[in-house]
Amino acid sequence: MTHFQPCPRPKTNRDKKYLAWLRQQPCVGCNQPKTPDFDIVYTHKGGGMALKGPDSEALPLCTYCHESEHRAPETAWEAIKFMTGKTREQHVKEHRRNYDTDRSL
């Protein structure tokens, strides 16, 4: 008799310092800064069903933009690209570059 063995979840890279830094950045969707009444969360690129992508690909979004991204990710990122002129990947590269610069100061 064969026993079922679940597939182990792949480990993704976690970076708590980067996520804390992201929460201080303005929303990439609407450019709203964090205030006491306006919170910034971060979003991960999906790594599959119920899996998060690596923290290095996370981006700051306000609660409204984050909810829009969950409802219709392709539409939300098309709107962000229309408003900012940048793809999700371009935003990721820019934020990583800015984070690395801020850390080196």
Protein backbone atom coordinates (compact mmCIF):
# COMPACT_ATOMS: atom_id res chain seq x y z
CA MET A 1 0.00 0.00 0.00
CA THR A 2 1.31 3.44 -0.97
CA HIS A 3 1.15 6.23 1.56
CA PHE A 4 0.32 9.75 0.49
CA GLN A 5 3.15 12.16 1.14
CA PRO A 6 2.40 15.85 0.67
CA CYS A 7 4.80 17.88 -1.41
CA PRO A 8 6.90 20.18 0.75
CA ARG A 9 6.29 23.87 0.21
CA PRO A 10 9.18 25.59 -1.48
CA LYS A 11 11.02 28.00 0.77
CA THR A 12 10.97 31.59 -0.34
CA ASN A 13 13.33 34.30 0.74
CA ARG A 14 12.02 36.48 3.57
CA ASP A 15 13.38 39.94 4.38
CA LYS A 16 11.61 41.61 7.31
CA LYS A 17 13.75 44.75 7.04
CA TYR A 18 12.78 45.23 3.40
CA LEU A 19 9.07 44.73 4.21
CA ALA A 20 9.29 47.28 7.06
CA TRP A 21 10.95 49.73 4.64
CA LEU A 22 8.19 49.09 2.06
CA ARG A 23 5.50 50.01 4.60
CA GLN A 24 7.04 53.49 4.81
CA GLN A 25 6.93 54.04 1.04
CA PRO A 26 4.00 55.58 -0.87
CA CYS A 27 1.55 53.32 -2.65
CA VAL A 28 2.74 52.39 -6.16
CA GLY A 29 -0.87 52.51 -7.35
CA CYS A 30 -2.12 55.91 -6.19
CA ASN A 31 1.08 57.40 -4.73
CA GLN A 32 -0.57 58.07 -1.35
CA PRO A 33 1.99 58.29 1.47
CA LYS A 34 1.55 56.49 4.76
CA THR A 35 -0.20 58.60 7.39
CA PRO A 36 -1.75 57.73 10.77
CA ASP A 37 -5.11 57.32 9.00
CA PHE A 38 -3.83 55.78 5.78
CA ASP A 39 -1.95 52.50 6.03
CA ILE A 40 0.42 50.99 3.50
CA VAL A 41 0.56 47.22 3.12
CA TYR A 42 2.72 45.27 0.75
CA THR A 43 1.83 42.82 -1.96
CA HIS A 44 3.70 39.73 -3.07
CA LYS A 45 3.73 38.36 -6.55
CA GLY A 46 1.93 35.04 -6.35
CA GLY A 47 4.05 31.94 -6.24
CA GLY A 48 1.14 29.58 -6.90
CA MET A 49 -1.95 28.61 -5.01
CA ALA A 50 -1.62 29.88 -1.42
CA LEU A 51 2.08 30.62 -1.90
CA LYS A 52 3.80 33.96 -1.60
CA GLY A 53 6.59 35.01 -3.86
CA PRO A 54 9.88 36.20 -2.39
CA ASP A 55 9.88 39.39 -0.34
CA SER A 56 12.29 40.92 -2.86
CA GLU A 57 9.34 41.12 -5.30
CA ALA A 58 6.91 42.73 -2.83
CA LEU A 59 5.64 46.25 -3.47
CA PRO A 60 3.86 48.85 -1.28
CA LEU A 61 0.14 49.29 -1.88
CA CYS A 62 -2.50 51.14 0.08
CA THR A 63 -5.40 49.07 1.38
CA TYR A 64 -7.68 50.15 -1.49
CA CYS A 65 -5.16 49.31 -4.24
CA HIS A 66 -4.27 46.05 -2.46
CA GLU A 67 -7.93 44.99 -2.42
CA SER A 68 -8.26 45.92 -6.11
CA GLU A 69 -5.22 43.81 -6.87
CA HIS A 70 -6.75 40.81 -5.08
CA ARG A 71 -10.06 41.16 -6.95
CA ALA A 72 -8.54 41.54 -10.42
CA PRO A 73 -4.72 41.42 -10.46
CA GLU A 74 -4.26 41.84 -14.21
CA THR A 75 -6.65 44.80 -14.37
CA ALA A 76 -5.11 46.45 -11.28
CA TRP A 77 -1.58 46.20 -12.68
CA GLU A 78 -2.73 47.43 -16.10
CA ALA A 79 -4.21 50.49 -14.37
CA ILE A 80 -1.02 51.04 -12.36
CA LYS A 81 1.04 50.76 -15.55
CA PHE A 82 -1.27 53.26 -17.26
CA MET A 83 -0.95 55.75 -14.36
CA THR A 84 2.78 55.35 -13.70
CA GLY A 85 4.16 54.22 -17.05
CA LYS A 86 5.92 51.32 -15.29
CA THR A 87 5.30 47.59 -15.21
CA ARG A 88 5.22 45.64 -11.96
CA GLU A 89 8.74 44.35 -12.69
CA GLN A 90 10.02 47.91 -13.25
CA HIS A 91 8.52 48.99 -9.91
CA VAL A 92 10.21 46.02 -8.20
CA LYS A 93 13.62 46.93 -9.66
CA GLU A 94 13.19 50.58 -8.70
CA HIS A 95 12.18 49.78 -5.11
CA ARG A 96 15.04 47.31 -4.65
CA ARG A 97 17.50 49.90 -5.99
CA ASN A 98 16.07 52.59 -3.67
CA TYR A 99 16.17 50.23 -0.69
CA ASP A 100 19.78 49.27 -1.38
CA THR A 101 20.68 52.99 -1.70
CA ASP A 102 18.86 53.90 1.56
CA ARG A 103 20.65 51.07 3.41
CA SER A 104 24.05 52.20 2.21
CA LEU A 105 23.59 55.78 3.47
